[in-house]
Amino acid sequence: MKEKKRVYEALVDGAMEGLTDQALYDFVKARCPKATSRKIVRASLLALTDPHLRDRNILDVIYTLAIKHRLDDGVLDDSEDEGPDEQPQSSQAANQNMPQLF
């Protein structure tokens, strides 16, 4: 929790300085070198739920950063926890079990 708080503070400080996108990400990584994209996304969510943060521009910048890094391949990849028999079905395989509606 302590590291997430540090990442959160770096994220908010950088956004308050007017940093956006990659510059904000680099700023956070410089202040918290051990921060992963996953930790930055989680700290972003913490910032978005903070009732004391009310500046829309800061919230937008943090939200944009969180979405960008959440959508990066492998940031929150849950497949590491699953064994080879537990891999999620592809949408095509899942649709084979669905009855036709027309």
Protein backbone atom coordinates (compact mmCIF):
# COMPACT_ATOMS: atom_id res chain seq x y z
CA MET A 1 0.00 0.00 0.00
CA LYS A 2 2.92 2.30 0.77
CA GLU A 3 4.28 2.08 -2.78
CA LYS A 4 0.83 2.62 -4.30
CA LYS A 5 0.54 5.79 -2.21
CA ARG A 6 3.92 7.02 -3.52
CA VAL A 7 2.88 6.28 -7.11
CA TYR A 8 -0.44 8.02 -6.46
CA GLU A 9 1.34 11.12 -5.15
CA ALA A 10 3.73 11.20 -8.10
CA LEU A 11 0.80 10.81 -10.48
CA VAL A 12 -1.14 13.69 -8.94
CA ASP A 13 1.96 15.91 -8.65
CA GLY A 14 2.83 15.35 -12.30
CA ALA A 15 -0.73 16.02 -13.44
CA MET A 16 -0.81 19.22 -11.36
CA GLU A 17 2.38 20.35 -13.09
CA GLY A 18 0.60 20.00 -16.43
CA LEU A 19 2.22 16.77 -17.58
CA THR A 20 0.15 14.47 -19.76
CA ASP A 21 0.39 11.12 -21.48
CA GLN A 22 3.96 9.82 -21.89
CA ALA A 23 5.50 12.77 -20.04
CA LEU A 24 3.36 11.98 -16.99
CA TYR A 25 4.20 8.29 -17.22
CA ASP A 26 7.93 9.11 -17.44
CA PHE A 27 7.60 11.48 -14.47
CA VAL A 28 6.00 8.76 -12.35
CA LYS A 29 8.63 6.21 -13.43
CA ALA A 30 11.41 8.68 -12.53
CA ARG A 31 9.99 9.23 -9.03
CA CYS A 32 9.07 5.58 -8.51
CA PRO A 33 11.48 3.47 -10.59
CA LYS A 34 9.99 0.19 -9.36
CA ALA A 35 6.47 1.17 -10.41
CA THR A 36 5.01 -1.12 -13.05
CA SER A 37 2.24 -0.21 -15.46
CA ARG A 38 -0.08 -2.29 -13.32
CA LYS A 39 0.77 -0.28 -10.20
CA ILE A 40 0.37 2.98 -12.09
CA VAL A 41 -3.09 1.91 -13.29
CA ARG A 42 -4.10 0.95 -9.75
CA ALA A 43 -2.79 4.23 -8.36
CA SER A 44 -4.73 6.04 -11.10
CA LEU A 45 -7.91 4.33 -9.97
CA LEU A 46 -7.13 5.38 -6.41
CA ALA A 47 -6.74 8.97 -7.60
CA LEU A 48 -10.00 8.85 -9.54
CA THR A 49 -11.88 7.79 -6.42
CA ASP A 50 -10.25 10.40 -4.17
CA PRO A 51 -13.00 12.83 -3.10
CA HIS A 52 -10.43 15.60 -2.55
CA LEU A 53 -9.38 15.65 -6.21
CA ARG A 54 -11.92 17.83 -7.96
CA ASP A 55 -9.98 19.44 -10.80
CA ARG A 56 -11.51 18.02 -13.96
CA ASN A 57 -8.35 18.50 -16.03
CA ILE A 58 -6.23 16.53 -13.56
CA LEU A 59 -8.83 13.78 -13.38
CA ASP A 60 -9.05 13.63 -17.19
CA VAL A 61 -5.27 13.33 -17.53
CA ILE A 62 -5.12 10.56 -14.92
CA TYR A 63 -8.10 8.77 -16.46
CA THR A 64 -6.53 8.91 -19.93
CA LEU A 65 -3.25 7.53 -18.63
CA ALA A 66 -5.02 4.71 -16.78
CA ILE A 67 -7.04 3.69 -19.82
CA LYS A 68 -4.03 3.80 -22.13
CA HIS A 69 -1.94 1.59 -19.88
CA ARG A 70 -4.81 -0.69 -18.96
CA LEU A 71 -5.33 -1.46 -22.64
CA ASP A 72 -1.63 -2.18 -23.23
CA ASP A 73 -1.05 -5.88 -23.81
CA GLY A 74 -0.16 -7.74 -20.65
CA VAL A 75 -0.71 -4.99 -18.08
CA LEU A 76 -3.46 -6.81 -16.25
CA ASP A 77 -3.11 -10.15 -17.98
CA ASP A 78 -4.84 -12.79 -15.86
CA SER A 79 -3.73 -15.70 -18.04
CA GLU A 80 -0.62 -16.16 -15.88
CA ASP A 81 -2.82 -17.56 -13.11
CA GLU A 82 -4.54 -20.06 -15.36
CA GLY A 83 -3.15 -23.44 -16.27
CA PRO A 84 -3.01 -24.71 -19.84
CA ASP A 85 -6.44 -26.35 -19.50
CA GLU A 86 -8.03 -23.16 -18.16
CA GLN A 87 -7.31 -20.80 -21.05
CA PRO A 88 -10.35 -18.66 -21.94
CA GLN A 89 -12.31 -19.72 -24.99
CA SER A 90 -12.10 -17.61 -28.08
CA SER A 91 -15.29 -15.79 -29.02
CA GLN A 92 -15.73 -18.05 -32.04
CA ALA A 93 -15.52 -21.19 -29.90
CA ALA A 94 -17.93 -19.68 -27.38
CA ASN A 95 -20.41 -18.78 -30.13
CA GLN A 96 -20.56 -22.40 -31.34
CA ASN A 97 -22.53 -23.29 -28.23
CA MET A 98 -25.08 -20.52 -28.75
CA PRO A 99 -28.39 -21.39 -30.42
CA GLN A 100 -29.30 -19.59 -33.62
CA LEU A 101 -31.93 -16.89 -33.02
CA PHE A 102 -33.22 -16.58 -36.60
